[in-house]
Amino acid sequence: MPLLEILKYPDERLKQISNEVVVFDDVLRSFITDLEEAMRAGPGGVGIAAPQVARFERIVIVDVSGKPKIKHNGCMILVNPEITEWEGYKIGREGCMSVPDYTGNVMRAEKIKLEALDEHGIKREFECEGYEARAVQHEIDHLDGLLFLDRLVSRKKDLFRRKVYKK
C-alpha cells in the first residue's frame, strides 16, 4: 500500500477533534501498521497521530528509541490515550510533519503518566519523561485539533524557519 499522505498546515482538517476508537479489529491494526510506516518515512519522525493522515480517531504512535541516550518505552501504540499525571514544566523546541517548514519553542510537562489501549484493546500504562514525554504530549494534542503552533511560548520570538541541510 502507498504511504499515507500527511496533512499540512494550514489544512483546516488538522483542527478537527478526533473520536474515540471503539472497534479493535484487523482493519484498525492494518491502519496502525500503515500509520507507523508513514511515521518512519518522515525525516526524524518519532511520532504521528491519526488525524495527521485524515483519520479522525484517537490513535497515536510514539517511538523515540532511535535517539541515543534517551530513556524510552520503545514503540508505543496509544489508542484513546489519556494523561493522568504530569510533573514539572520545561520549554523545548518542537517540529511536526504537518508543519514541515517551522519549529518552535513550546512549554510541556517534563514527566507524565498516561493510560491508553493498545491495538488489541488491552489497557496499558506508561511513565514518560523528557523528550519522550514531550513527543507524547505533542501527538495527543493532534487528537484535540491542536498543533505546536497553538502552544508557542511567544509567536514573535519562538517560531523558527526550519533549516534545510544539503546532502
N, C-alpha and C. Protein backbone atom coordinates (compact mmCIF):
# COMPACT_ATOMS: atom_id res chain seq x y z
N MET A 1 0.85 -1.18 0.00
CA MET A 1 0.00 0.00 0.00
C MET A 1 0.89 1.24 0.00
N PRO A 2 0.53 2.28 -0.75
CA PRO A 2 1.33 3.51 -0.74
C PRO A 2 1.27 4.19 0.62
N LEU A 3 2.29 4.99 0.90
CA LEU A 3 2.33 5.71 2.16
C LEU A 3 1.12 6.61 2.31
N LEU A 4 0.66 6.74 3.53
CA LEU A 4 -0.44 7.66 3.82
C LEU A 4 0.05 9.09 3.62
N GLU A 5 -0.82 9.95 3.12
CA GLU A 5 -0.46 11.34 2.89
C GLU A 5 -0.61 12.14 4.19
N ILE A 6 0.41 12.89 4.54
CA ILE A 6 0.41 13.73 5.74
C ILE A 6 -0.27 15.06 5.42
N LEU A 7 -1.29 15.42 6.19
CA LEU A 7 -1.92 16.72 6.03
C LEU A 7 -0.94 17.81 6.47
N LYS A 8 -0.94 18.92 5.77
CA LYS A 8 -0.03 20.02 6.08
C LYS A 8 -0.81 21.27 6.48
N TYR A 9 -0.26 21.98 7.46
CA TYR A 9 -0.80 23.27 7.86
C TYR A 9 -0.78 24.19 6.65
N PRO A 10 -1.82 24.92 6.35
CA PRO A 10 -2.98 25.30 7.16
C PRO A 10 -4.25 24.48 6.89
N ASP A 11 -4.14 23.24 6.51
CA ASP A 11 -5.31 22.39 6.25
C ASP A 11 -6.25 22.43 7.46
N GLU A 12 -7.46 22.86 7.25
CA GLU A 12 -8.44 23.03 8.33
C GLU A 12 -8.77 21.72 9.04
N ARG A 13 -8.58 20.60 8.37
CA ARG A 13 -8.89 19.31 9.00
C ARG A 13 -8.00 19.04 10.20
N LEU A 14 -6.82 19.68 10.25
CA LEU A 14 -5.92 19.49 11.40
C LEU A 14 -6.50 20.05 12.69
N LYS A 15 -7.55 20.87 12.59
CA LYS A 15 -8.20 21.44 13.78
C LYS A 15 -9.33 20.56 14.30
N GLN A 16 -9.62 19.50 13.58
CA GLN A 16 -10.74 18.63 13.94
C GLN A 16 -10.41 17.79 15.18
N ILE A 17 -11.38 17.63 16.06
CA ILE A 17 -11.22 16.79 17.25
C ILE A 17 -11.55 15.35 16.86
N SER A 18 -10.72 14.43 17.32
CA SER A 18 -10.86 13.02 16.95
C SER A 18 -11.80 12.27 17.89
N ASN A 19 -12.40 11.22 17.35
CA ASN A 19 -13.32 10.37 18.10
C ASN A 19 -12.59 9.20 18.75
N GLU A 20 -13.15 8.71 19.84
CA GLU A 20 -12.59 7.52 20.49
C GLU A 20 -12.72 6.32 19.57
N VAL A 21 -11.76 5.43 19.68
CA VAL A 21 -11.81 4.16 18.96
C VAL A 21 -12.66 3.20 19.78
N VAL A 22 -13.62 2.55 19.14
CA VAL A 22 -14.48 1.59 19.83
C VAL A 22 -14.38 0.18 19.25
N VAL A 23 -13.86 0.06 18.02
CA VAL A 23 -13.74 -1.25 17.38
C VAL A 23 -12.26 -1.58 17.21
N PHE A 24 -11.86 -2.72 17.77
CA PHE A 24 -10.47 -3.19 17.68
C PHE A 24 -10.46 -4.44 16.83
N ASP A 25 -10.14 -4.26 15.54
CA ASP A 25 -10.20 -5.38 14.60
C ASP A 25 -9.00 -5.33 13.67
N ASP A 26 -9.00 -6.21 12.68
CA ASP A 26 -7.89 -6.27 11.73
C ASP A 26 -7.78 -4.99 10.90
N VAL A 27 -8.90 -4.34 10.64
CA VAL A 27 -8.87 -3.08 9.89
C VAL A 27 -8.10 -2.03 10.68
N LEU A 28 -8.36 -1.93 11.98
CA LEU A 28 -7.64 -0.99 12.84
C LEU A 28 -6.15 -1.33 12.86
N ARG A 29 -5.82 -2.59 13.06
CA ARG A 29 -4.41 -2.99 13.15
C ARG A 29 -3.68 -2.74 11.83
N SER A 30 -4.35 -2.94 10.71
CA SER A 30 -3.75 -2.66 9.41
C SER A 30 -3.48 -1.16 9.26
N PHE A 31 -4.43 -0.34 9.69
CA PHE A 31 -4.23 1.11 9.64
C PHE A 31 -3.04 1.51 10.52
N ILE A 32 -2.93 0.94 11.71
CA ILE A 32 -1.83 1.28 12.61
C ILE A 32 -0.49 0.92 11.97
N THR A 33 -0.43 -0.20 11.27
CA THR A 33 0.79 -0.58 10.54
C THR A 33 1.13 0.46 9.49
N ASP A 34 0.13 0.92 8.74
CA ASP A 34 0.35 1.94 7.72
C ASP A 34 0.75 3.28 8.35
N LEU A 35 0.15 3.60 9.49
CA LEU A 35 0.47 4.84 10.19
C LEU A 35 1.92 4.83 10.66
N GLU A 36 2.36 3.71 11.20
CA GLU A 36 3.75 3.61 11.65
C GLU A 36 4.71 3.73 10.46
N GLU A 37 4.36 3.14 9.33
CA GLU A 37 5.19 3.25 8.12
C GLU A 37 5.32 4.72 7.70
N ALA A 38 4.22 5.45 7.76
CA ALA A 38 4.26 6.88 7.40
C ALA A 38 5.15 7.66 8.37
N MET A 39 5.08 7.32 9.65
CA MET A 39 5.91 7.99 10.65
C MET A 39 7.40 7.74 10.37
N ARG A 40 7.74 6.51 10.10
CA ARG A 40 9.15 6.15 9.90
C ARG A 40 9.70 6.69 8.57
N ALA A 41 8.82 7.00 7.63
CA ALA A 41 9.27 7.53 6.33
C ALA A 41 9.69 8.99 6.43
N GLY A 42 9.17 9.69 7.43
CA GLY A 42 9.50 11.11 7.58
C GLY A 42 10.87 11.30 8.19
N PRO A 43 11.54 12.38 7.85
CA PRO A 43 12.87 12.64 8.43
C PRO A 43 12.77 12.93 9.92
N GLY A 44 13.41 12.10 10.73
CA GLY A 44 13.42 12.32 12.17
C GLY A 44 12.09 12.07 12.84
N GLY A 45 11.16 11.40 12.15
CA GLY A 45 9.83 11.17 12.72
C GLY A 45 9.87 10.26 13.93
N VAL A 46 9.43 10.77 15.08
CA VAL A 46 9.38 9.97 16.30
C VAL A 46 7.94 9.80 16.79
N GLY A 47 7.01 10.42 16.08
CA GLY A 47 5.62 10.29 16.48
C GLY A 47 4.70 10.70 15.36
N ILE A 48 3.49 10.18 15.43
CA ILE A 48 2.45 10.53 14.45
C ILE A 48 1.10 10.26 15.10
N ALA A 49 0.12 11.04 14.67
CA ALA A 49 -1.25 10.86 15.15
C ALA A 49 -2.17 10.65 13.94
N ALA A 50 -3.19 9.85 14.13
CA ALA A 50 -4.11 9.52 13.04
C ALA A 50 -4.69 10.74 12.33
N PRO A 51 -5.03 11.82 13.03
CA PRO A 51 -5.58 12.97 12.30
C PRO A 51 -4.62 13.58 11.30
N GLN A 52 -3.32 13.35 11.46
CA GLN A 52 -2.35 13.88 10.51
C GLN A 52 -2.48 13.22 9.14
N VAL A 53 -3.17 12.07 9.09
CA VAL A 53 -3.40 11.40 7.81
C VAL A 53 -4.91 11.32 7.51
N ALA A 54 -5.64 12.29 8.09
CA ALA A 54 -7.08 12.46 7.84
C ALA A 54 -7.93 11.30 8.34
N ARG A 55 -7.49 10.64 9.39
CA ARG A 55 -8.33 9.64 10.06
C ARG A 55 -8.55 10.18 11.47
N PHE A 56 -9.76 10.58 11.75
CA PHE A 56 -10.04 11.33 12.97
C PHE A 56 -10.50 10.43 14.10
N GLU A 57 -9.55 9.55 14.48
CA GLU A 57 -9.71 8.66 15.62
C GLU A 57 -8.52 8.87 16.55
N ARG A 58 -8.72 8.56 17.83
CA ARG A 58 -7.71 8.84 18.85
C ARG A 58 -6.65 7.73 18.86
N ILE A 59 -5.73 7.85 17.89
CA ILE A 59 -4.64 6.88 17.72
C ILE A 59 -3.34 7.65 17.56
N VAL A 60 -2.34 7.27 18.35
CA VAL A 60 -1.03 7.91 18.33
C VAL A 60 0.04 6.83 18.36
N ILE A 61 1.13 7.07 17.66
CA ILE A 61 2.32 6.21 17.77
C ILE A 61 3.49 7.11 18.15
N VAL A 62 4.26 6.70 19.15
CA VAL A 62 5.47 7.41 19.55
C VAL A 62 6.58 6.39 19.73
N ASP A 63 7.72 6.68 19.11
CA ASP A 63 8.90 5.81 19.27
C ASP A 63 10.16 6.66 19.19
N VAL A 64 10.75 6.94 20.35
CA VAL A 64 11.98 7.74 20.40
C VAL A 64 13.21 6.85 20.60
N SER A 65 13.03 5.55 20.45
CA SER A 65 14.12 4.60 20.74
C SER A 65 15.32 4.76 19.81
N GLY A 66 15.14 5.40 18.66
CA GLY A 66 16.25 5.61 17.74
C GLY A 66 17.16 6.76 18.12
N LYS A 67 16.75 7.53 19.10
CA LYS A 67 17.56 8.65 19.57
C LYS A 67 18.49 8.15 20.67
N PRO A 68 19.81 8.39 20.53
CA PRO A 68 20.75 7.86 21.52
C PRO A 68 20.59 8.50 22.89
N LYS A 69 20.77 7.68 23.91
CA LYS A 69 20.81 8.11 25.32
C LYS A 69 19.52 8.75 25.81
N ILE A 70 18.40 8.36 25.23
CA ILE A 70 17.11 8.88 25.68
C ILE A 70 16.33 7.74 26.31
N LYS A 71 15.87 7.96 27.54
CA LYS A 71 15.04 6.97 28.22
C LYS A 71 13.72 6.83 27.45
N HIS A 72 13.29 5.58 27.23
CA HIS A 72 12.08 5.39 26.41
C HIS A 72 11.36 4.10 26.75
N ASN A 73 10.15 3.99 26.24
CA ASN A 73 9.29 2.81 26.40
C ASN A 73 9.21 1.99 25.12
N GLY A 74 10.11 2.23 24.16
CA GLY A 74 10.02 1.53 22.88
C GLY A 74 8.94 2.14 22.03
N CYS A 75 8.43 1.37 21.12
CA CYS A 75 7.37 1.86 20.22
C CYS A 75 6.03 1.75 20.95
N MET A 76 5.45 2.90 21.24
CA MET A 76 4.17 2.93 21.96
C MET A 76 3.03 3.17 20.97
N ILE A 77 2.10 2.23 20.93
CA ILE A 77 0.87 2.41 20.18
C ILE A 77 -0.18 2.79 21.21
N LEU A 78 -0.70 4.01 21.08
CA LEU A 78 -1.58 4.57 22.08
C LEU A 78 -2.95 4.85 21.46
N VAL A 79 -3.92 4.05 21.85
CA VAL A 79 -5.29 4.23 21.37
C VAL A 79 -6.10 4.80 22.52
N ASN A 80 -6.83 5.87 22.26
CA ASN A 80 -7.59 6.58 23.28
C ASN A 80 -6.71 6.98 24.47
N PRO A 81 -5.56 7.58 24.22
CA PRO A 81 -4.64 7.91 25.31
C PRO A 81 -5.18 9.03 26.21
N GLU A 82 -4.81 8.94 27.49
CA GLU A 82 -5.19 9.97 28.45
C GLU A 82 -4.04 10.17 29.42
N ILE A 83 -3.58 11.39 29.53
CA ILE A 83 -2.54 11.72 30.50
C ILE A 83 -3.21 11.83 31.86
N THR A 84 -2.71 11.05 32.82
CA THR A 84 -3.33 11.01 34.15
C THR A 84 -2.56 11.81 35.19
N GLU A 85 -1.27 12.02 34.96
CA GLU A 85 -0.45 12.82 35.88
C GLU A 85 0.62 13.53 35.08
N TRP A 86 1.02 14.71 35.56
CA TRP A 86 2.14 15.42 34.95
C TRP A 86 2.90 16.14 36.03
N GLU A 87 4.18 16.38 35.75
CA GLU A 87 5.06 16.98 36.75
C GLU A 87 6.12 17.83 36.06
N GLY A 88 6.36 19.02 36.61
CA GLY A 88 7.40 19.89 36.11
C GLY A 88 7.10 20.40 34.72
N TYR A 89 7.64 21.55 34.39
CA TYR A 89 7.44 22.11 33.05
C TYR A 89 8.76 22.62 32.51
N LYS A 90 8.92 22.50 31.20
CA LYS A 90 10.16 22.92 30.55
C LYS A 90 9.84 23.37 29.13
N ILE A 91 10.55 24.39 28.67
CA ILE A 91 10.42 24.84 27.29
C ILE A 91 11.37 24.03 26.43
N GLY A 92 10.89 23.60 25.28
CA GLY A 92 11.73 22.85 24.34
C GLY A 92 11.29 23.09 22.91
N ARG A 93 12.19 22.82 21.99
CA ARG A 93 11.94 23.02 20.55
C ARG A 93 11.18 21.83 20.00
N GLU A 94 10.17 22.10 19.20
CA GLU A 94 9.38 21.05 18.56
C GLU A 94 9.24 21.31 17.08
N GLY A 95 9.12 20.23 16.33
CA GLY A 95 8.80 20.28 14.92
C GLY A 95 7.66 19.31 14.67
N CYS A 96 7.16 19.30 13.45
CA CYS A 96 6.00 18.46 13.15
C CYS A 96 5.95 18.16 11.66
N MET A 97 5.60 16.93 11.33
CA MET A 97 5.46 16.58 9.91
C MET A 97 4.35 17.37 9.23
N SER A 98 3.37 17.85 10.00
CA SER A 98 2.29 18.64 9.43
C SER A 98 2.63 20.12 9.32
N VAL A 99 3.76 20.51 9.90
CA VAL A 99 4.26 21.89 9.80
C VAL A 99 5.74 21.79 9.40
N PRO A 100 6.01 21.36 8.17
CA PRO A 100 7.36 20.98 7.80
C PRO A 100 8.38 22.13 7.71
N ASP A 101 7.92 23.36 7.59
CA ASP A 101 8.85 24.47 7.37
C ASP A 101 9.26 25.21 8.63
N TYR A 102 8.69 24.84 9.78
CA TYR A 102 8.95 25.59 11.01
C TYR A 102 9.18 24.67 12.21
N THR A 103 9.87 25.21 13.21
CA THR A 103 9.96 24.62 14.54
C THR A 103 9.61 25.72 15.52
N GLY A 104 9.36 25.35 16.77
CA GLY A 104 9.01 26.38 17.75
C GLY A 104 9.22 25.91 19.16
N ASN A 105 9.34 26.88 20.06
CA ASN A 105 9.51 26.60 21.49
C ASN A 105 8.15 26.48 22.16
N VAL A 106 7.97 25.35 22.86
CA VAL A 106 6.70 25.02 23.50
C VAL A 106 6.97 24.57 24.93
N MET A 107 6.10 24.99 25.85
CA MET A 107 6.17 24.55 27.24
C MET A 107 5.39 23.24 27.38
N ARG A 108 6.06 22.22 27.95
CA ARG A 108 5.42 20.91 28.16
C ARG A 108 5.81 20.37 29.54
N ALA A 109 5.02 19.44 30.03
CA ALA A 109 5.36 18.74 31.27
C ALA A 109 6.61 17.91 31.04
N GLU A 110 7.49 17.85 32.04
CA GLU A 110 8.73 17.07 31.93
C GLU A 110 8.50 15.58 32.16
N LYS A 111 7.54 15.25 33.03
CA LYS A 111 7.22 13.85 33.31
C LYS A 111 5.71 13.69 33.24
N ILE A 112 5.29 12.58 32.65
CA ILE A 112 3.85 12.29 32.58
C ILE A 112 3.61 10.81 32.85
N LYS A 113 2.39 10.52 33.28
CA LYS A 113 1.89 9.16 33.33
C LYS A 113 0.66 9.15 32.44
N LEU A 114 0.49 8.07 31.70
CA LEU A 114 -0.68 8.00 30.84
C LEU A 114 -1.22 6.59 30.76
N GLU A 115 -2.49 6.53 30.40
CA GLU A 115 -3.18 5.28 30.16
C GLU A 115 -3.65 5.30 28.71
N ALA A 116 -3.61 4.14 28.09
CA ALA A 116 -4.08 4.01 26.71
C ALA A 116 -4.41 2.54 26.47
N LEU A 117 -5.09 2.30 25.39
CA LEU A 117 -5.32 0.93 24.94
C LEU A 117 -4.32 0.65 23.84
N ASP A 118 -3.94 -0.63 23.68
CA ASP A 118 -3.08 -0.99 22.56
C ASP A 118 -3.96 -1.37 21.37
N GLU A 119 -3.34 -1.84 20.31
CA GLU A 119 -4.09 -2.15 19.09
C GLU A 119 -5.07 -3.31 19.24
N HIS A 120 -5.00 -4.03 20.38
CA HIS A 120 -5.93 -5.14 20.65
C HIS A 120 -6.99 -4.74 21.67
N GLY A 121 -6.93 -3.49 22.14
CA GLY A 121 -7.90 -3.03 23.12
C GLY A 121 -7.50 -3.31 24.56
N ILE A 122 -6.25 -3.70 24.78
CA ILE A 122 -5.75 -4.01 26.12
C ILE A 122 -5.21 -2.74 26.76
N LYS A 123 -5.63 -2.48 28.00
CA LYS A 123 -5.21 -1.27 28.71
C LYS A 123 -3.72 -1.35 29.06
N ARG A 124 -3.02 -0.25 28.79
CA ARG A 124 -1.59 -0.12 29.09
C ARG A 124 -1.37 1.16 29.89
N GLU A 125 -0.33 1.16 30.71
CA GLU A 125 0.06 2.36 31.44
C GLU A 125 1.53 2.63 31.18
N PHE A 126 1.87 3.89 31.02
CA PHE A 126 3.24 4.28 30.73
C PHE A 126 3.65 5.45 31.60
N GLU A 127 4.93 5.51 31.91
CA GLU A 127 5.54 6.68 32.51
C GLU A 127 6.58 7.17 31.52
N CYS A 128 6.53 8.44 31.21
CA CYS A 128 7.45 9.04 30.23
C CYS A 128 8.08 10.28 30.84
N GLU A 129 9.30 10.56 30.37
CA GLU A 129 9.96 11.78 30.82
C GLU A 129 10.78 12.37 29.68
N GLY A 130 11.12 13.64 29.85
CA GLY A 130 11.99 14.31 28.88
C GLY A 130 11.42 14.32 27.48
N TYR A 131 12.29 13.97 26.54
CA TYR A 131 11.95 14.01 25.11
C TYR A 131 10.74 13.14 24.79
N GLU A 132 10.68 11.95 25.38
CA GLU A 132 9.56 11.06 25.11
C GLU A 132 8.25 11.66 25.62
N ALA A 133 8.27 12.24 26.81
CA ALA A 133 7.06 12.88 27.35
C ALA A 133 6.61 14.02 26.45
N ARG A 134 7.56 14.80 25.95
CA ARG A 134 7.26 15.91 25.05
C ARG A 134 6.60 15.36 23.77
N ALA A 135 7.16 14.30 23.20
CA ALA A 135 6.61 13.72 21.97
C ALA A 135 5.19 13.21 22.18
N VAL A 136 4.94 12.55 23.30
CA VAL A 136 3.60 12.03 23.58
C VAL A 136 2.60 13.18 23.69
N GLN A 137 2.96 14.23 24.43
CA GLN A 137 2.05 15.37 24.59
C GLN A 137 1.77 16.04 23.25
N HIS A 138 2.81 16.17 22.42
CA HIS A 138 2.68 16.77 21.09
C HIS A 138 1.67 15.97 20.25
N GLU A 139 1.82 14.65 20.25
CA GLU A 139 0.93 13.81 19.43
C GLU A 139 -0.49 13.80 19.97
N ILE A 140 -0.65 13.76 21.28
CA ILE A 140 -2.01 13.78 21.85
C ILE A 140 -2.70 15.10 21.51
N ASP A 141 -1.95 16.19 21.44
CA ASP A 141 -2.55 17.47 21.02
C ASP A 141 -3.24 17.34 19.67
N HIS A 142 -2.64 16.59 18.73
CA HIS A 142 -3.25 16.42 17.41
C HIS A 142 -4.66 15.84 17.53
N LEU A 143 -4.88 14.98 18.52
CA LEU A 143 -6.19 14.35 18.70
C LEU A 143 -7.25 15.37 19.09
N ASP A 144 -6.80 16.49 19.66
CA ASP A 144 -7.70 17.55 20.09
C ASP A 144 -7.68 18.75 19.14
N GLY A 145 -7.14 18.54 17.94
CA GLY A 145 -7.13 19.59 16.93
C GLY A 145 -6.12 20.69 17.19
N LEU A 146 -5.06 20.39 17.93
CA LEU A 146 -4.04 21.38 18.25
C LEU A 146 -2.71 21.04 17.59
N LEU A 147 -2.01 22.08 17.14
CA LEU A 147 -0.65 21.95 16.62
C LEU A 147 0.30 22.64 17.59
N PHE A 148 1.59 22.37 17.47
CA PHE A 148 2.54 23.05 18.34
C PHE A 148 2.45 24.57 18.14
N LEU A 149 2.01 25.01 16.96
CA LEU A 149 1.83 26.44 16.69
C LEU A 149 0.84 27.07 17.67
N ASP A 150 -0.13 26.28 18.14
CA ASP A 150 -1.13 26.77 19.09
C ASP A 150 -0.57 26.91 20.50
N ARG A 151 0.60 26.34 20.75
CA ARG A 151 1.18 26.33 22.10
C ARG A 151 2.51 27.06 22.19
N LEU A 152 2.87 27.80 21.16
CA LEU A 152 4.14 28.52 21.19
C LEU A 152 4.24 29.41 22.42
N VAL A 153 5.42 29.48 23.01
CA VAL A 153 5.63 30.35 24.15
C VAL A 153 5.36 31.80 23.73
N SER A 154 5.91 32.20 22.58
CA SER A 154 5.69 33.54 22.03
C SER A 154 5.65 33.44 20.50
N ARG A 155 4.62 33.96 19.89
CA ARG A 155 4.53 33.93 18.43
C ARG A 155 5.62 34.78 17.79
N LYS A 156 6.09 35.82 18.49
CA LYS A 156 7.10 36.71 17.92
C LYS A 156 8.51 36.15 18.04
N LYS A 157 8.83 35.49 19.17
CA LYS A 157 10.22 35.09 19.43
C LYS A 157 10.48 33.59 19.38
N ASP A 158 9.43 32.77 19.32
CA ASP A 158 9.63 31.33 19.48
C ASP A 158 9.19 30.48 18.30
N LEU A 159 9.10 31.07 17.12
CA LEU A 159 8.82 30.33 15.90
C LEU A 159 10.00 30.53 14.96
N PHE A 160 10.54 29.42 14.43
CA PHE A 160 11.77 29.47 13.64
C PHE A 160 11.58 28.74 12.32
N ARG A 161 12.10 29.32 11.26
CA ARG A 161 12.11 28.62 9.97
C ARG A 161 13.06 27.44 10.09
N ARG A 162 12.59 26.27 9.66
CA ARG A 162 13.42 25.05 9.75
C ARG A 162 14.59 25.15 8.79
N LYS A 163 15.74 24.73 9.26
CA LYS A 163 16.92 24.72 8.42
C LYS A 163 16.83 23.55 7.44
N VAL A 164 17.29 23.79 6.22
CA VAL A 164 17.34 22.74 5.21
C VAL A 164 18.81 22.42 4.99
N TYR A 165 19.16 21.16 5.24
CA TYR A 165 20.54 20.75 5.10
C TYR A 165 20.77 20.12 3.74
N LYS A 166 21.87 20.48 3.11
CA LYS A 166 22.20 19.92 1.82
C LYS A 166 22.85 18.55 2.02
N LYS A 167 22.57 17.67 1.09
CA LYS A 167 23.10 16.31 1.20
C LYS A 167 24.51 16.24 0.62
